[in-house]
Amino acid sequence: MSKRLTAQERADRDLLEETFRDQVNELAAIYGFEWMWVHPLRAAGGIWKTPTYGPLGKGWPDTTYIHRRTGRTLYVEFKKELGKTSPDQDRVLAFLRDAGLEAHVWRPSDFPEITRTLSGG
């Protein structure tokens, strides 16, 4: 028998990625971060495309955060609670981490850790 989900677990599963990202963006602003989001576009034929170029383009994280005062930079891939990263995303995230940069995959259930990360705690 599978475990029953708590109300919070159900809410996390139902939260849309864009709503979650907007919540994090608001929190990031409170802690002094500015951000830039890479937005996919619907191309002809209804296919979604994100126009990027170069070997890191495919798989680049959704949002980049830079702290105004400290210059601290975060690269974040947002996922729905049960969402999976693609192999390209895994490769780019590993590349960023190997370069000594802060790269994260954040899901709604990560909100306590997200708050600690953004607050510098």
N, C-alpha and C. Protein backbone atom coordinates (compact mmCIF):
# COMPACT_ATOMS: atom_id res chain seq x y z
N MET A 1 0.84 -1.18 0.00
CA MET A 1 0.00 0.00 0.00
C MET A 1 0.88 1.25 0.00
N SER A 2 0.56 2.20 -0.85
CA SER A 2 1.38 3.39 -0.95
C SER A 2 1.02 4.38 0.16
N LYS A 3 1.98 5.17 0.52
CA LYS A 3 1.83 6.16 1.58
C LYS A 3 0.89 7.28 1.11
N ARG A 4 0.04 7.73 2.01
CA ARG A 4 -0.84 8.86 1.69
C ARG A 4 -0.04 10.15 1.71
N LEU A 5 -0.32 11.01 0.75
CA LEU A 5 0.37 12.29 0.68
C LEU A 5 -0.21 13.25 1.71
N THR A 6 0.67 14.06 2.27
CA THR A 6 0.21 15.13 3.15
C THR A 6 -0.39 16.24 2.28
N ALA A 7 -1.09 17.16 2.92
CA ALA A 7 -1.65 18.30 2.18
C ALA A 7 -0.54 19.08 1.49
N GLN A 8 0.60 19.25 2.16
CA GLN A 8 1.72 19.98 1.56
C GLN A 8 2.30 19.23 0.36
N GLU A 9 2.43 17.92 0.47
CA GLU A 9 2.95 17.11 -0.65
C GLU A 9 2.00 17.20 -1.85
N ARG A 10 0.69 17.19 -1.60
CA ARG A 10 -0.27 17.33 -2.70
C ARG A 10 -0.15 18.70 -3.33
N ALA A 11 -0.02 19.73 -2.50
CA ALA A 11 0.12 21.10 -3.02
C ALA A 11 1.39 21.23 -3.85
N ASP A 12 2.50 20.64 -3.37
CA ASP A 12 3.76 20.68 -4.12
C ASP A 12 3.61 20.01 -5.47
N ARG A 13 2.94 18.86 -5.52
CA ARG A 13 2.76 18.13 -6.79
C ARG A 13 1.91 18.90 -7.78
N ASP A 14 0.94 19.68 -7.26
CA ASP A 14 0.01 20.39 -8.13
C ASP A 14 0.52 21.77 -8.57
N LEU A 15 1.57 22.27 -7.94
CA LEU A 15 2.06 23.60 -8.24
C LEU A 15 2.70 23.65 -9.62
N LEU A 16 2.27 24.58 -10.45
CA LEU A 16 2.84 24.75 -11.78
C LEU A 16 4.26 25.29 -11.67
N GLU A 17 5.12 24.89 -12.59
CA GLU A 17 6.50 25.34 -12.58
C GLU A 17 6.59 26.86 -12.63
N GLU A 18 5.78 27.49 -13.47
CA GLU A 18 5.86 28.95 -13.60
C GLU A 18 5.41 29.66 -12.31
N THR A 19 4.41 29.12 -11.63
CA THR A 19 3.96 29.70 -10.37
C THR A 19 5.05 29.55 -9.32
N PHE A 20 5.65 28.40 -9.26
CA PHE A 20 6.74 28.14 -8.33
C PHE A 20 7.91 29.09 -8.60
N ARG A 21 8.30 29.23 -9.85
CA ARG A 21 9.40 30.12 -10.22
C ARG A 21 9.08 31.56 -9.81
N ASP A 22 7.84 31.99 -10.03
CA ASP A 22 7.45 33.35 -9.65
C ASP A 22 7.57 33.55 -8.13
N GLN A 23 7.21 32.53 -7.36
CA GLN A 23 7.34 32.62 -5.90
C GLN A 23 8.81 32.76 -5.50
N VAL A 24 9.67 31.97 -6.13
CA VAL A 24 11.10 32.05 -5.82
C VAL A 24 11.66 33.40 -6.25
N ASN A 25 11.23 33.92 -7.39
CA ASN A 25 11.71 35.22 -7.86
C ASN A 25 11.36 36.32 -6.85
N GLU A 26 10.16 36.26 -6.30
CA GLU A 26 9.75 37.24 -5.29
C GLU A 26 10.62 37.14 -4.04
N LEU A 27 10.87 35.90 -3.61
CA LEU A 27 11.73 35.69 -2.45
C LEU A 27 13.16 36.17 -2.73
N ALA A 28 13.66 35.85 -3.91
CA ALA A 28 15.02 36.27 -4.29
C ALA A 28 15.15 37.79 -4.25
N ALA A 29 14.14 38.50 -4.71
CA ALA A 29 14.17 39.97 -4.70
C ALA A 29 14.25 40.49 -3.26
N ILE A 30 13.54 39.84 -2.35
CA ILE A 30 13.59 40.25 -0.94
C ILE A 30 15.01 40.15 -0.41
N TYR A 31 15.74 39.13 -0.85
CA TYR A 31 17.11 38.92 -0.38
C TYR A 31 18.15 39.65 -1.22
N GLY A 32 17.72 40.52 -2.14
CA GLY A 32 18.65 41.36 -2.88
C GLY A 32 19.16 40.80 -4.19
N PHE A 33 18.51 39.76 -4.72
CA PHE A 33 18.92 39.19 -6.00
C PHE A 33 18.13 39.82 -7.15
N GLU A 34 18.80 40.01 -8.26
CA GLU A 34 18.15 40.32 -9.54
C GLU A 34 18.18 39.01 -10.31
N TRP A 35 17.31 38.87 -11.30
CA TRP A 35 17.25 37.59 -12.02
C TRP A 35 16.97 37.79 -13.50
N MET A 36 17.30 36.77 -14.25
CA MET A 36 17.04 36.71 -15.68
C MET A 36 16.54 35.31 -16.00
N TRP A 37 15.43 35.24 -16.70
CA TRP A 37 14.81 33.96 -17.02
C TRP A 37 14.87 33.74 -18.53
N VAL A 38 15.26 32.54 -18.94
CA VAL A 38 15.29 32.15 -20.34
C VAL A 38 13.91 31.58 -20.67
N HIS A 39 13.20 32.26 -21.55
CA HIS A 39 11.81 31.90 -21.85
C HIS A 39 11.70 31.20 -23.20
N PRO A 40 11.15 29.98 -23.22
CA PRO A 40 10.94 29.29 -24.50
C PRO A 40 9.80 29.97 -25.28
N LEU A 41 9.88 29.87 -26.58
CA LEU A 41 8.87 30.44 -27.48
C LEU A 41 8.23 29.34 -28.30
N ARG A 42 6.97 29.55 -28.65
CA ARG A 42 6.29 28.60 -29.51
C ARG A 42 6.58 28.99 -30.96
N ALA A 43 7.26 28.11 -31.67
CA ALA A 43 7.64 28.35 -33.05
C ALA A 43 6.53 27.87 -33.98
N ALA A 44 6.75 28.07 -35.28
CA ALA A 44 5.79 27.59 -36.28
C ALA A 44 5.54 26.10 -36.08
N GLY A 45 4.30 25.70 -36.27
CA GLY A 45 3.95 24.30 -36.10
C GLY A 45 3.69 23.92 -34.65
N GLY A 46 3.70 24.90 -33.74
CA GLY A 46 3.40 24.63 -32.34
C GLY A 46 4.52 24.01 -31.55
N ILE A 47 5.73 23.97 -32.11
CA ILE A 47 6.87 23.37 -31.42
C ILE A 47 7.51 24.42 -30.52
N TRP A 48 7.82 24.03 -29.28
CA TRP A 48 8.47 24.95 -28.35
C TRP A 48 9.96 24.97 -28.59
N LYS A 49 10.53 26.17 -28.67
CA LYS A 49 11.97 26.35 -28.90
C LYS A 49 12.49 27.41 -27.95
N THR A 50 13.72 27.25 -27.53
CA THR A 50 14.42 28.27 -26.77
C THR A 50 15.65 28.63 -27.59
N PRO A 51 15.62 29.80 -28.25
CA PRO A 51 16.74 30.14 -29.13
C PRO A 51 18.01 30.43 -28.33
N THR A 52 18.93 29.50 -28.36
CA THR A 52 20.24 29.65 -27.73
C THR A 52 21.28 29.10 -28.71
N TYR A 53 22.50 29.50 -28.50
CA TYR A 53 23.58 29.08 -29.40
C TYR A 53 24.78 28.64 -28.58
N GLY A 54 25.57 27.75 -29.15
CA GLY A 54 26.77 27.27 -28.50
C GLY A 54 26.54 25.96 -27.76
N PRO A 55 27.63 25.31 -27.37
CA PRO A 55 27.53 23.98 -26.76
C PRO A 55 26.81 23.96 -25.41
N LEU A 56 26.72 25.09 -24.73
CA LEU A 56 26.01 25.13 -23.45
C LEU A 56 24.55 25.56 -23.62
N GLY A 57 24.17 25.96 -24.82
CA GLY A 57 22.82 26.47 -25.05
C GLY A 57 21.74 25.46 -24.75
N LYS A 58 21.90 24.26 -25.25
CA LYS A 58 20.91 23.21 -25.01
C LYS A 58 21.14 22.67 -23.61
N GLY A 59 20.21 22.93 -22.71
CA GLY A 59 20.34 22.49 -21.33
C GLY A 59 20.67 23.59 -20.34
N TRP A 60 20.83 24.84 -20.85
CA TRP A 60 21.15 25.95 -19.94
C TRP A 60 20.02 26.13 -18.93
N PRO A 61 20.34 26.39 -17.66
CA PRO A 61 19.31 26.53 -16.62
C PRO A 61 18.32 27.66 -16.92
N ASP A 62 17.12 27.50 -16.37
CA ASP A 62 16.02 28.44 -16.60
C ASP A 62 16.34 29.87 -16.17
N THR A 63 16.90 30.01 -14.97
CA THR A 63 17.02 31.33 -14.37
C THR A 63 18.41 31.54 -13.78
N THR A 64 18.92 32.75 -13.96
CA THR A 64 20.18 33.15 -13.36
C THR A 64 19.87 34.25 -12.36
N TYR A 65 20.39 34.11 -11.15
CA TYR A 65 20.21 35.10 -10.08
C TYR A 65 21.57 35.70 -9.75
N ILE A 66 21.62 37.02 -9.62
CA ILE A 66 22.85 37.69 -9.20
C ILE A 66 22.49 38.62 -8.04
N HIS A 67 23.25 38.50 -6.96
CA HIS A 67 23.01 39.34 -5.81
C HIS A 67 23.61 40.72 -6.06
N ARG A 68 22.83 41.73 -5.84
CA ARG A 68 23.24 43.11 -6.13
C ARG A 68 24.54 43.50 -5.41
N ARG A 69 24.63 43.22 -4.13
CA ARG A 69 25.76 43.70 -3.34
C ARG A 69 26.96 42.76 -3.38
N THR A 70 26.71 41.46 -3.31
CA THR A 70 27.82 40.51 -3.18
C THR A 70 28.30 39.94 -4.51
N GLY A 71 27.46 40.03 -5.54
CA GLY A 71 27.81 39.44 -6.83
C GLY A 71 27.61 37.93 -6.88
N ARG A 72 27.13 37.37 -5.79
CA ARG A 72 26.87 35.91 -5.77
C ARG A 72 25.91 35.56 -6.90
N THR A 73 26.27 34.51 -7.64
CA THR A 73 25.50 34.12 -8.81
C THR A 73 25.01 32.68 -8.67
N LEU A 74 23.71 32.48 -8.95
CA LEU A 74 23.10 31.16 -8.88
C LEU A 74 22.50 30.84 -10.24
N TYR A 75 22.66 29.60 -10.67
CA TYR A 75 22.04 29.11 -11.89
C TYR A 75 21.02 28.06 -11.47
N VAL A 76 19.76 28.25 -11.86
CA VAL A 76 18.70 27.39 -11.33
C VAL A 76 17.83 26.82 -12.44
N GLU A 77 17.66 25.52 -12.40
CA GLU A 77 16.70 24.81 -13.25
C GLU A 77 15.49 24.52 -12.38
N PHE A 78 14.33 25.02 -12.77
CA PHE A 78 13.09 24.76 -12.04
C PHE A 78 12.39 23.55 -12.61
N LYS A 79 11.83 22.74 -11.72
CA LYS A 79 11.07 21.57 -12.13
C LYS A 79 9.82 21.46 -11.27
N LYS A 80 8.75 20.93 -11.88
CA LYS A 80 7.59 20.54 -11.08
C LYS A 80 8.06 19.48 -10.10
N GLU A 81 7.27 19.19 -9.12
CA GLU A 81 7.68 18.27 -8.06
C GLU A 81 8.19 16.94 -8.60
N LEU A 82 7.52 16.39 -9.58
CA LEU A 82 7.92 15.08 -10.12
C LEU A 82 8.68 15.20 -11.44
N GLY A 83 9.04 16.43 -11.82
CA GLY A 83 9.73 16.66 -13.09
C GLY A 83 11.16 16.15 -13.06
N LYS A 84 11.65 15.74 -14.19
CA LYS A 84 13.00 15.22 -14.34
C LYS A 84 13.83 16.16 -15.22
N THR A 85 15.10 16.24 -14.93
CA THR A 85 15.99 16.99 -15.80
C THR A 85 16.35 16.13 -17.00
N SER A 86 16.64 16.80 -18.11
CA SER A 86 17.05 16.09 -19.32
C SER A 86 18.55 15.80 -19.25
N PRO A 87 19.04 14.89 -20.07
CA PRO A 87 20.49 14.65 -20.10
C PRO A 87 21.28 15.92 -20.43
N ASP A 88 20.77 16.77 -21.33
CA ASP A 88 21.45 18.03 -21.64
C ASP A 88 21.50 18.94 -20.42
N GLN A 89 20.40 19.01 -19.67
CA GLN A 89 20.38 19.83 -18.47
C GLN A 89 21.37 19.28 -17.43
N ASP A 90 21.40 17.97 -17.26
CA ASP A 90 22.34 17.36 -16.32
C ASP A 90 23.78 17.69 -16.70
N ARG A 91 24.08 17.63 -18.00
CA ARG A 91 25.44 17.92 -18.48
C ARG A 91 25.84 19.36 -18.19
N VAL A 92 24.94 20.30 -18.48
CA VAL A 92 25.26 21.72 -18.27
C VAL A 92 25.36 22.03 -16.77
N LEU A 93 24.45 21.49 -15.96
CA LEU A 93 24.53 21.71 -14.52
C LEU A 93 25.85 21.16 -13.95
N ALA A 94 26.26 19.99 -14.40
CA ALA A 94 27.53 19.41 -13.96
C ALA A 94 28.70 20.29 -14.41
N PHE A 95 28.64 20.81 -15.62
CA PHE A 95 29.68 21.70 -16.14
C PHE A 95 29.81 22.95 -15.25
N LEU A 96 28.67 23.55 -14.92
CA LEU A 96 28.68 24.75 -14.07
C LEU A 96 29.26 24.44 -12.69
N ARG A 97 28.82 23.33 -12.11
CA ARG A 97 29.33 22.94 -10.79
C ARG A 97 30.83 22.65 -10.84
N ASP A 98 31.26 21.94 -11.89
CA ASP A 98 32.68 21.63 -12.03
C ASP A 98 33.53 22.89 -12.19
N ALA A 99 32.91 23.95 -12.72
CA ALA A 99 33.60 25.24 -12.87
C ALA A 99 33.57 26.04 -11.57
N GLY A 100 33.02 25.45 -10.51
CA GLY A 100 32.97 26.11 -9.22
C GLY A 100 31.81 27.08 -9.05
N LEU A 101 30.80 26.96 -9.91
CA LEU A 101 29.64 27.85 -9.87
C LEU A 101 28.49 27.17 -9.13
N GLU A 102 27.59 27.98 -8.61
CA GLU A 102 26.45 27.48 -7.85
C GLU A 102 25.32 27.16 -8.82
N ALA A 103 25.02 25.88 -9.00
CA ALA A 103 23.96 25.44 -9.91
C ALA A 103 23.02 24.50 -9.16
N HIS A 104 21.72 24.75 -9.32
CA HIS A 104 20.71 24.01 -8.56
C HIS A 104 19.58 23.53 -9.45
N VAL A 105 18.94 22.46 -9.02
CA VAL A 105 17.64 22.04 -9.54
C VAL A 105 16.70 22.20 -8.36
N TRP A 106 15.68 23.05 -8.54
CA TRP A 106 14.75 23.33 -7.44
C TRP A 106 13.36 22.86 -7.78
N ARG A 107 12.73 22.20 -6.80
CA ARG A 107 11.35 21.74 -6.88
C ARG A 107 10.57 22.36 -5.71
N PRO A 108 9.24 22.41 -5.79
CA PRO A 108 8.47 23.03 -4.71
C PRO A 108 8.81 22.51 -3.31
N SER A 109 9.07 21.23 -3.16
CA SER A 109 9.38 20.70 -1.82
C SER A 109 10.73 21.18 -1.29
N ASP A 110 11.52 21.81 -2.15
CA ASP A 110 12.83 22.34 -1.74
C ASP A 110 12.74 23.72 -1.11
N PHE A 111 11.52 24.26 -0.93
CA PHE A 111 11.38 25.66 -0.52
C PHE A 111 12.15 26.01 0.75
N PRO A 112 12.18 25.17 1.79
CA PRO A 112 13.01 25.53 2.96
C PRO A 112 14.49 25.68 2.60
N GLU A 113 15.01 24.78 1.77
CA GLU A 113 16.42 24.87 1.35
C GLU A 113 16.64 26.08 0.44
N ILE A 114 15.67 26.38 -0.41
CA ILE A 114 15.75 27.55 -1.29
C ILE A 114 15.87 28.82 -0.45
N THR A 115 15.03 28.90 0.58
CA THR A 115 15.07 30.07 1.48
C THR A 115 16.42 30.19 2.14
N ARG A 116 16.98 29.08 2.63
CA ARG A 116 18.32 29.11 3.24
C ARG A 116 19.38 29.55 2.23
N THR A 117 19.28 29.04 1.01
CA THR A 117 20.24 29.37 -0.03
C THR A 117 20.20 30.86 -0.37
N LEU A 118 19.01 31.38 -0.58
CA LEU A 118 18.86 32.78 -0.96
C LEU A 118 19.23 33.72 0.19
N SER A 119 18.97 33.30 1.41
CA SER A 119 19.28 34.16 2.56
C SER A 119 20.76 34.13 2.91
N GLY A 120 21.50 33.23 2.26
CA GLY A 120 22.94 33.11 2.55
C GLY A 120 23.23 32.27 3.78
N GLY A 121 22.16 31.58 4.28
CA GLY A 121 22.31 30.80 5.52
C GLY A 121 22.74 29.42 5.35
